Amino acid sequence: MMLWQEIRARGYPGGYPSVRDCRARFRGNARIPAPALSPPNPRTVTAWFTTRPGAPDPAGKDTLEATVASPGN
Protein backbone atom coordinates (compact mmCIF):
# COMPACT_ATOMS: atom_id res chain seq x y z
CA MET A 1 0.00 0.00 0.00
CA MET A 2 2.86 2.34 0.80
CA LEU A 3 4.53 1.78 -2.59
CA TRP A 4 1.26 2.52 -4.38
CA GLN A 5 0.84 5.75 -2.41
CA GLU A 6 4.38 6.83 -3.29
CA ILE A 7 4.07 6.21 -7.02
CA ARG A 8 0.55 7.64 -7.04
CA ALA A 9 1.99 10.87 -5.63
CA ARG A 10 4.41 10.92 -8.60
CA GLY A 11 1.55 10.70 -11.10
CA TYR A 12 0.88 6.96 -11.56
CA PRO A 13 -2.72 6.67 -12.82
CA GLY A 14 -3.19 2.95 -12.08
CA GLY A 15 -4.96 1.37 -9.15
CA TYR A 16 -3.70 -0.53 -6.15
CA PRO A 17 -4.50 -4.03 -7.59
CA SER A 18 -2.16 -3.40 -10.54
CA VAL A 19 0.71 -2.54 -8.24
CA ARG A 20 -0.07 -5.47 -5.93
CA ASP A 21 -0.07 -7.94 -8.85
CA CYS A 22 3.17 -6.52 -10.23
CA ARG A 23 4.89 -6.85 -6.86
CA ALA A 24 3.59 -10.40 -6.47
CA ARG A 25 5.50 -11.45 -9.60
CA PHE A 26 8.76 -10.41 -7.98
CA ARG A 27 7.96 -12.09 -4.66
CA GLY A 28 7.27 -15.43 -6.30
CA ASN A 29 3.66 -15.78 -5.15
CA ALA A 30 1.90 -14.24 -8.11
CA ARG A 31 -1.86 -14.61 -8.38
CA ILE A 32 -1.77 -14.40 -12.15
CA PRO A 33 -3.20 -17.57 -13.71
CA ALA A 34 -1.45 -19.34 -16.55
CA PRO A 35 -2.83 -18.46 -19.97
CA ALA A 36 -5.36 -20.91 -21.37
CA LEU A 37 -4.26 -22.98 -24.34
CA SER A 38 -5.94 -21.99 -27.56
CA PRO A 39 -7.64 -24.72 -29.58
CA PRO A 40 -6.04 -25.79 -32.86
CA ASN A 41 -7.38 -24.19 -36.02
CA PRO A 42 -9.65 -26.21 -38.36
CA ARG A 43 -6.96 -26.60 -41.02
CA THR A 44 -4.61 -28.28 -38.53
CA VAL A 45 -7.29 -30.67 -37.29
CA THR A 46 -8.25 -31.56 -40.87
CA ALA A 47 -4.61 -32.30 -41.67
CA TRP A 48 -4.43 -34.66 -38.69
CA PHE A 49 -7.33 -36.72 -40.01
CA THR A 50 -6.33 -36.71 -43.68
CA THR A 51 -2.63 -37.59 -43.38
CA ARG A 52 -1.22 -41.06 -42.99
CA PRO A 53 -1.10 -42.28 -39.35
CA GLY A 54 2.71 -42.32 -39.19
CA ALA A 55 3.09 -38.86 -40.72
CA PRO A 56 2.11 -36.42 -37.90
CA ASP A 57 4.77 -35.35 -35.44
CA PRO A 58 4.52 -36.69 -31.85
CA ALA A 59 3.46 -33.29 -30.44
CA GLY A 60 0.59 -33.15 -32.92
CA LYS A 61 -0.50 -36.63 -31.89
CA ASP A 62 -0.93 -35.58 -28.25
CA THR A 63 -2.95 -32.53 -29.27
CA LEU A 64 -5.06 -34.65 -31.62
CA GLU A 65 -5.86 -37.12 -28.85
CA ALA A 66 -6.80 -34.29 -26.49
CA THR A 67 -9.01 -32.69 -29.15
CA VAL A 68 -10.81 -35.93 -29.94
CA ALA A 69 -11.32 -36.74 -26.26
CA SER A 70 -12.63 -33.27 -25.31
CA PRO A 71 -16.32 -33.02 -24.44
CA GLY A 72 -18.59 -31.30 -26.92
CA ASN A 73 -17.33 -33.22 -29.95
PDB file of N, CA and C in Angstrom:
ATOM      1  N   MET A   1       0.831  -1.179   0.000  1.00  0.00           N
ATOM      2  CA  MET A   1       0.000   0.000   0.000  1.00  0.00           C
ATOM      3  C   MET A   1       0.878   1.245   0.000  1.00  0.00           C
ATOM      4  N   MET A   2       1.982   1.184   0.707  1.00  0.00           N
ATOM      5  CA  MET A   2       2.861   2.341   0.796  1.00  0.00           C
ATOM      6  C   MET A   2       3.515   2.644  -0.559  1.00  0.00           C
ATOM      7  N   LEU A   3       3.941   1.588  -1.271  1.00  0.00           N
ATOM      8  CA  LEU A   3       4.535   1.782  -2.592  1.00  0.00           C
ATOM      9  C   LEU A   3       3.531   2.440  -3.529  1.00  0.00           C
ATOM     10  N   TRP A   4       2.291   1.951  -3.528  1.00  0.00           N
ATOM     11  CA  TRP A   4       1.256   2.519  -4.384  1.00  0.00           C
ATOM     12  C   TRP A   4       1.039   4.001  -4.064  1.00  0.00           C
ATOM     13  N   GLN A   5       1.028   4.340  -2.795  1.00  0.00           N
ATOM     14  CA  GLN A   5       0.840   5.747  -2.411  1.00  0.00           C
ATOM     15  C   GLN A   5       1.998   6.604  -2.914  1.00  0.00           C
ATOM     16  N   GLU A   6       3.205   6.068  -2.840  1.00  0.00           N
ATOM     17  CA  GLU A   6       4.378   6.827  -3.288  1.00  0.00           C
ATOM     18  C   GLU A   6       4.349   7.061  -4.800  1.00  0.00           C
ATOM     19  N   ILE A   7       4.059   6.020  -5.567  1.00  0.00           N
ATOM     20  CA  ILE A   7       4.067   6.210  -7.016  1.00  0.00           C
ATOM     21  C   ILE A   7       2.821   6.966  -7.484  1.00  0.00           C
ATOM     22  N   ARG A   8       1.747   6.863  -6.734  1.00  0.00           N
ATOM     23  CA  ARG A   8       0.546   7.643  -7.042  1.00  0.00           C
ATOM     24  C   ARG A   8       0.831   9.142  -6.877  1.00  0.00           C
ATOM     25  N   ALA A   9       1.620   9.480  -5.858  1.00  0.00           N
ATOM     26  CA  ALA A   9       1.994  10.874  -5.627  1.00  0.00           C
ATOM     27  C   ALA A   9       2.867  11.409  -6.769  1.00  0.00           C
ATOM     28  N   ARG A  10       3.556  10.509  -7.468  1.00  0.00           N
ATOM     29  CA  ARG A  10       4.409  10.919  -8.599  1.00  0.00           C
ATOM     30  C   ARG A  10       3.654  10.924  -9.925  1.00  0.00           C
ATOM     31  N   GLY A  11       2.347  10.609  -9.891  1.00  0.00           N
ATOM     32  CA  GLY A  11       1.546  10.699 -11.100  1.00  0.00           C
ATOM     33  C   GLY A  11       1.100   9.385 -11.707  1.00  0.00           C
ATOM     34  N   TYR A  12       1.321   8.261 -11.030  1.00  0.00           N
ATOM     35  CA  TYR A  12       0.885   6.964 -11.557  1.00  0.00           C
ATOM     36  C   TYR A  12      -0.645   6.910 -11.575  1.00  0.00           C
ATOM     37  N   PRO A  13      -1.263   6.654 -12.745  1.00  0.00           N
ATOM     38  CA  PRO A  13      -2.721   6.671 -12.825  1.00  0.00           C
ATOM     39  C   PRO A  13      -3.388   5.336 -12.466  1.00  0.00           C
ATOM     40  N   GLY A  14      -2.614   4.271 -12.316  1.00  0.00           N
ATOM     41  CA  GLY A  14      -3.190   2.949 -12.075  1.00  0.00           C
ATOM     42  C   GLY A  14      -3.679   2.771 -10.654  1.00  0.00           C
ATOM     43  N   GLY A  15      -4.393   1.675 -10.458  1.00  0.00           N
ATOM     44  CA  GLY A  15      -4.956   1.375  -9.152  1.00  0.00           C
ATOM     45  C   GLY A  15      -4.055   0.475  -8.319  1.00  0.00           C
ATOM     46  N   TYR A  16      -4.460   0.288  -7.085  1.00  0.00           N
ATOM     47  CA  TYR A  16      -3.696  -0.533  -6.150  1.00  0.00           C
ATOM     48  C   TYR A  16      -3.568  -1.988  -6.611  1.00  0.00           C
ATOM     49  N   PRO A  17      -4.638  -2.619  -7.159  1.00  0.00           N
ATOM     50  CA  PRO A  17      -4.498  -4.025  -7.588  1.00  0.00           C
ATOM     51  C   PRO A  17      -3.403  -4.231  -8.643  1.00  0.00           C
ATOM     52  N   SER A  18      -3.213  -3.270  -9.521  1.00  0.00           N
ATOM     53  CA  SER A  18      -2.162  -3.397 -10.539  1.00  0.00           C
ATOM     54  C   SER A  18      -0.785  -3.442  -9.899  1.00  0.00           C
ATOM     55  N   VAL A  19      -0.582  -2.583  -8.935  1.00  0.00           N
ATOM     56  CA  VAL A  19       0.706  -2.536  -8.238  1.00  0.00           C
ATOM     57  C   VAL A  19       0.905  -3.800  -7.414  1.00  0.00           C
ATOM     58  N   ARG A  20      -0.151  -4.252  -6.741  1.00  0.00           N
ATOM     59  CA  ARG A  20      -0.066  -5.468  -5.928  1.00  0.00           C
ATOM     60  C   ARG A  20       0.304  -6.674  -6.789  1.00  0.00           C
ATOM     61  N   ASP A  21      -0.353  -6.806  -7.964  1.00  0.00           N
ATOM     62  CA  ASP A  21      -0.067  -7.939  -8.847  1.00  0.00           C
ATOM     63  C   ASP A  21       1.341  -7.878  -9.407  1.00  0.00           C
ATOM     64  N   CYS A  22       1.807  -6.683  -9.724  1.00  0.00           N
ATOM     65  CA  CYS A  22       3.173  -6.524 -10.233  1.00  0.00           C
ATOM     66  C   CYS A  22       4.190  -6.925  -9.167  1.00  0.00           C
ATOM     67  N   ARG A  23       3.975  -6.499  -7.949  1.00  0.00           N
ATOM     68  CA  ARG A  23       4.888  -6.850  -6.856  1.00  0.00           C
ATOM     69  C   ARG A  23       4.861  -8.349  -6.585  1.00  0.00           C
ATOM     70  N   ALA A  24       3.711  -8.966  -6.735  1.00  0.00           N
ATOM     71  CA  ALA A  24       3.591 -10.404  -6.467  1.00  0.00           C
ATOM     72  C   ALA A  24       4.479 -11.210  -7.404  1.00  0.00           C
ATOM     73  N   ARG A  25       4.634 -10.737  -8.647  1.00  0.00           N
ATOM     74  CA  ARG A  25       5.503 -11.455  -9.599  1.00  0.00           C
ATOM     75  C   ARG A  25       6.936 -11.507  -9.106  1.00  0.00           C
ATOM     76  N   PHE A  26       7.381 -10.458  -8.450  1.00  0.00           N
ATOM     77  CA  PHE A  26       8.759 -10.413  -7.980  1.00  0.00           C
ATOM     78  C   PHE A  26       8.940 -11.162  -6.667  1.00  0.00           C
ATOM     79  N   ARG A  27       7.868 -11.344  -5.916  1.00  0.00           N
ATOM     80  CA  ARG A  27       7.958 -12.087  -4.658  1.00  0.00           C
ATOM     81  C   ARG A  27       7.863 -13.586  -4.886  1.00  0.00           C
ATOM     82  N   GLY A  28       7.371 -14.002  -6.020  1.00  0.00           N
ATOM     83  CA  GLY A  28       7.271 -15.428  -6.302  1.00  0.00           C
ATOM     84  C   GLY A  28       5.930 -16.035  -5.940  1.00  0.00           C
ATOM     85  N   ASN A  29       4.980 -15.239  -5.478  1.00  0.00           N
ATOM     86  CA  ASN A  29       3.657 -15.781  -5.154  1.00  0.00           C
ATOM     87  C   ASN A  29       2.581 -15.058  -5.951  1.00  0.00           C
ATOM     88  N   ALA A  30       2.813 -14.963  -7.229  1.00  0.00           N
ATOM     89  CA  ALA A  30       1.896 -14.237  -8.110  1.00  0.00           C
ATOM     90  C   ALA A  30       0.526 -14.908  -8.153  1.00  0.00           C
ATOM     91  N   ARG A  31      -0.498 -14.093  -8.269  1.00  0.00           N
ATOM     92  CA  ARG A  31      -1.857 -14.610  -8.379  1.00  0.00           C
ATOM     93  C   ARG A  31      -2.327 -14.620  -9.822  1.00  0.00           C
ATOM     94  N   ILE A  32      -1.425 -14.469 -10.735  1.00  0.00           N
ATOM     95  CA  ILE A  32      -1.769 -14.405 -12.153  1.00  0.00           C
ATOM     96  C   ILE A  32      -1.876 -15.827 -12.697  1.00  0.00           C
ATOM     97  N   PRO A  33      -3.052 -16.215 -13.207  1.00  0.00           N
ATOM     98  CA  PRO A  33      -3.204 -17.575 -13.712  1.00  0.00           C
ATOM     99  C   PRO A  33      -2.449 -17.771 -15.031  1.00  0.00           C
ATOM    100  N   ALA A  34      -2.114 -19.003 -15.298  1.00  0.00           N
ATOM    101  CA  ALA A  34      -1.445 -19.339 -16.552  1.00  0.00           C
ATOM    102  C   ALA A  34      -2.423 -19.120 -17.704  1.00  0.00           C
ATOM    103  N   PRO A  35      -1.922 -18.679 -18.843  1.00  0.00           N
ATOM    104  CA  PRO A  35      -2.829 -18.461 -19.973  1.00  0.00           C
ATOM    105  C   PRO A  35      -3.426 -19.782 -20.457  1.00  0.00           C
ATOM    106  N   ALA A  36      -4.671 -19.719 -20.861  1.00  0.00           N
ATOM    107  CA  ALA A  36      -5.355 -20.906 -21.369  1.00  0.00           C
ATOM    108  C   ALA A  36      -4.815 -21.258 -22.756  1.00  0.00           C
ATOM    109  N   LEU A  37      -4.733 -22.536 -23.030  1.00  0.00           N
ATOM    110  CA  LEU A  37      -4.263 -22.976 -24.335  1.00  0.00           C
ATOM    111  C   LEU A  37      -5.355 -22.727 -25.371  1.00  0.00           C
ATOM    112  N   SER A  38      -4.958 -22.234 -26.513  1.00  0.00           N
ATOM    113  CA  SER A  38      -5.940 -21.989 -27.564  1.00  0.00           C
ATOM    114  C   SER A  38      -6.151 -23.280 -28.358  1.00  0.00           C
ATOM    115  N   PRO A  39      -7.379 -23.495 -28.819  1.00  0.00           N
ATOM    116  CA  PRO A  39      -7.642 -24.721 -29.585  1.00  0.00           C
ATOM    117  C   PRO A  39      -6.967 -24.647 -30.951  1.00  0.00           C
ATOM    118  N   PRO A  40      -6.652 -25.790 -31.534  1.00  0.00           N
ATOM    119  CA  PRO A  40      -6.038 -25.786 -32.859  1.00  0.00           C
ATOM    120  C   PRO A  40      -7.028 -25.271 -33.907  1.00  0.00           C
ATOM    121  N   ASN A  41      -6.489 -24.711 -34.976  1.00  0.00           N
ATOM    122  CA  ASN A  41      -7.378 -24.190 -36.020  1.00  0.00           C
ATOM    123  C   ASN A  41      -7.920 -25.349 -36.867  1.00  0.00           C
ATOM    124  N   PRO A  42      -9.013 -25.131 -37.579  1.00  0.00           N
ATOM    125  CA  PRO A  42      -9.646 -26.206 -38.356  1.00  0.00           C
ATOM    126  C   PRO A  42      -8.732 -26.842 -39.396  1.00  0.00           C
ATOM    127  N   ARG A  43      -7.865 -26.053 -40.000  1.00  0.00           N
ATOM    128  CA  ARG A  43      -6.959 -26.601 -41.017  1.00  0.00           C
ATOM    129  C   ARG A  43      -6.015 -27.632 -40.398  1.00  0.00           C
ATOM    130  N   THR A  44      -5.516 -27.348 -39.209  1.00  0.00           N
ATOM    131  CA  THR A  44      -4.608 -28.275 -38.530  1.00  0.00           C
ATOM    132  C   THR A  44      -5.327 -29.579 -38.189  1.00  0.00           C
ATOM    133  N   VAL A  45      -6.529 -29.470 -37.651  1.00  0.00           N
ATOM    134  CA  VAL A  45      -7.286 -30.670 -37.292  1.00  0.00           C
ATOM    135  C   VAL A  45      -7.608 -31.501 -38.536  1.00  0.00           C
ATOM    136  N   THR A  46      -7.973 -30.841 -39.618  1.00  0.00           N
ATOM    137  CA  THR A  46      -8.250 -31.557 -40.870  1.00  0.00           C
ATOM    138  C   THR A  46      -7.011 -32.292 -41.363  1.00  0.00           C
ATOM    139  N   ALA A  47      -5.856 -31.657 -41.252  1.00  0.00           N
ATOM    140  CA  ALA A  47      -4.612 -32.304 -41.672  1.00  0.00           C
ATOM    141  C   ALA A  47      -4.319 -33.534 -40.827  1.00  0.00           C
ATOM    142  N   TRP A  48      -4.649 -33.487 -39.540  1.00  0.00           N
ATOM    143  CA  TRP A  48      -4.428 -34.659 -38.687  1.00  0.00           C
ATOM    144  C   TRP A  48      -5.230 -35.852 -39.178  1.00  0.00           C
ATOM    145  N   PHE A  49      -6.454 -35.620 -39.603  1.00  0.00           N
ATOM    146  CA  PHE A  49      -7.326 -36.720 -40.014  1.00  0.00           C
ATOM    147  C   PHE A  49      -7.082 -37.187 -41.438  1.00  0.00           C
ATOM    148  N   THR A  50      -6.500 -36.339 -42.274  1.00  0.00           N
ATOM    149  CA  THR A  50      -6.330 -36.710 -43.675  1.00  0.00           C
ATOM    150  C   THR A  50      -4.922 -37.167 -44.022  1.00  0.00           C
ATOM    151  N   THR A  51      -3.976 -37.107 -43.098  1.00  0.00           N
ATOM    152  CA  THR A  51      -2.627 -37.594 -43.378  1.00  0.00           C
ATOM    153  C   THR A  51      -2.498 -39.047 -42.925  1.00  0.00           C
ATOM    154  N   ARG A  52      -1.456 -39.675 -43.385  1.00  0.00           N
ATOM    155  CA  ARG A  52      -1.219 -41.064 -42.986  1.00  0.00           C
ATOM    156  C   ARG A  52      -0.935 -41.108 -41.483  1.00  0.00           C
ATOM    157  N   PRO A  53      -1.276 -42.201 -40.800  1.00  0.00           N
ATOM    158  CA  PRO A  53      -1.104 -42.285 -39.352  1.00  0.00           C
ATOM    159  C   PRO A  53       0.337 -42.072 -38.876  1.00  0.00           C
ATOM    160  N   GLY A  54       1.325 -42.495 -39.624  1.00  0.00           N
ATOM    161  CA  GLY A  54       2.707 -42.323 -39.193  1.00  0.00           C
ATOM    162  C   GLY A  54       3.281 -40.953 -39.506  1.00  0.00           C
ATOM    163  N   ALA A  55       2.559 -40.141 -40.263  1.00  0.00           N
ATOM    164  CA  ALA A  55       3.092 -38.858 -40.723  1.00  0.00           C
ATOM    165  C   ALA A  55       3.110 -37.741 -39.689  1.00  0.00           C
ATOM    166  N   PRO A  56       2.090 -37.569 -38.811  1.00  0.00           N
ATOM    167  CA  PRO A  56       2.113 -36.419 -37.901  1.00  0.00           C
ATOM    168  C   PRO A  56       3.256 -36.509 -36.890  1.00  0.00           C
ATOM    169  N   ASP A  57       3.713 -35.360 -36.452  1.00  0.00           N
ATOM    170  CA  ASP A  57       4.770 -35.347 -35.445  1.00  0.00           C
ATOM    171  C   ASP A  57       4.184 -35.771 -34.094  1.00  0.00           C
ATOM    172  N   PRO A  58       5.016 -36.218 -33.150  1.00  0.00           N
ATOM    173  CA  PRO A  58       4.523 -36.693 -31.846  1.00  0.00           C
ATOM    174  C   PRO A  58       3.759 -35.621 -31.070  1.00  0.00           C
ATOM    175  N   ALA A  59       4.167 -34.358 -31.166  1.00  0.00           N
ATOM    176  CA  ALA A  59       3.460 -33.286 -30.444  1.00  0.00           C
ATOM    177  C   ALA A  59       2.055 -33.125 -30.995  1.00  0.00           C
ATOM    178  N   GLY A  60       1.903 -33.238 -32.295  1.00  0.00           N
ATOM    179  CA  GLY A  60       0.588 -33.147 -32.915  1.00  0.00           C
ATOM    180  C   GLY A  60      -0.310 -34.297 -32.510  1.00  0.00           C
ATOM    181  N   LYS A  61       0.280 -35.460 -32.290  1.00  0.00           N
ATOM    182  CA  LYS A  61      -0.497 -36.631 -31.890  1.00  0.00           C
ATOM    183  C   LYS A  61      -1.134 -36.407 -30.522  1.00  0.00           C
ATOM    184  N   ASP A  62      -0.386 -35.850 -29.583  1.00  0.00           N
ATOM    185  CA  ASP A  62      -0.933 -35.579 -28.249  1.00  0.00           C
ATOM    186  C   ASP A  62      -2.077 -34.575 -28.322  1.00  0.00           C
ATOM    187  N   THR A  63      -1.901 -33.523 -29.127  1.00  0.00           N
ATOM    188  CA  THR A  63      -2.948 -32.531 -29.272  1.00  0.00           C
ATOM    189  C   THR A  63      -4.159 -33.113 -29.954  1.00  0.00           C
ATOM    190  N   LEU A  64      -3.948 -33.981 -30.942  1.00  0.00           N
ATOM    191  CA  LEU A  64      -5.063 -34.651 -31.620  1.00  0.00           C
ATOM    192  C   LEU A  64      -5.850 -35.499 -30.641  1.00  0.00           C
ATOM    193  N   GLU A  65      -5.170 -36.277 -29.822  1.00  0.00           N
ATOM    194  CA  GLU A  65      -5.863 -37.115 -28.848  1.00  0.00           C
ATOM    195  C   GLU A  65      -6.658 -36.283 -27.850  1.00  0.00           C
ATOM    196  N   ALA A  66      -6.094 -35.156 -27.411  1.00  0.00           N
ATOM    197  CA  ALA A  66      -6.804 -34.285 -26.488  1.00  0.00           C
ATOM    198  C   ALA A  66      -8.012 -33.646 -27.148  1.00  0.00           C
ATOM    199  N   THR A  67      -7.891 -33.295 -28.429  1.00  0.00           N
ATOM    200  CA  THR A  67      -9.011 -32.686 -29.149  1.00  0.00           C
ATOM    201  C   THR A  67     -10.138 -33.676 -29.351  1.00  0.00           C
ATOM    202  N   VAL A  68      -9.795 -34.901 -29.708  1.00  0.00           N
ATOM    203  CA  VAL A  68     -10.810 -35.934 -29.944  1.00  0.00           C
ATOM    204  C   VAL A  68     -11.502 -36.313 -28.634  1.00  0.00           C
ATOM    205  N   ALA A  69     -10.763 -36.329 -27.539  1.00  0.00           N
ATOM    206  CA  ALA A  69     -11.317 -36.738 -26.255  1.00  0.00           C
ATOM    207  C   ALA A  69     -12.083 -35.622 -25.549  1.00  0.00           C
ATOM    208  N   SER A  70     -11.974 -34.384 -26.010  1.00  0.00           N
ATOM    209  CA  SER A  70     -12.631 -33.273 -25.308  1.00  0.00           C
ATOM    210  C   SER A  70     -14.137 -33.371 -25.443  1.00  0.00           C
ATOM    211  N   PRO A  71     -14.860 -32.968 -24.383  1.00  0.00           N
ATOM    212  CA  PRO A  71     -16.322 -33.015 -24.443  1.00  0.00           C
ATOM    213  C   PRO A  71     -16.847 -31.968 -25.426  1.00  0.00           C
ATOM    214  N   GLY A  72     -17.976 -32.219 -25.964  1.00  0.00           N
ATOM    215  CA  GLY A  72     -18.587 -31.298 -26.922  1.00  0.00           C
ATOM    216  C   GLY A  72     -18.304 -31.671 -28.355  1.00  0.00           C
ATOM    217  N   ASN A  73     -17.604 -32.778 -28.590  1.00  0.00           N
ATOM    218  CA  ASN A  73     -17.333 -33.224 -29.954  1.00  0.00           C
ATOM    219  C   ASN A  73     -18.368 -34.217 -30.395  1.00  0.00           C
TER     220      ASN A  73
END
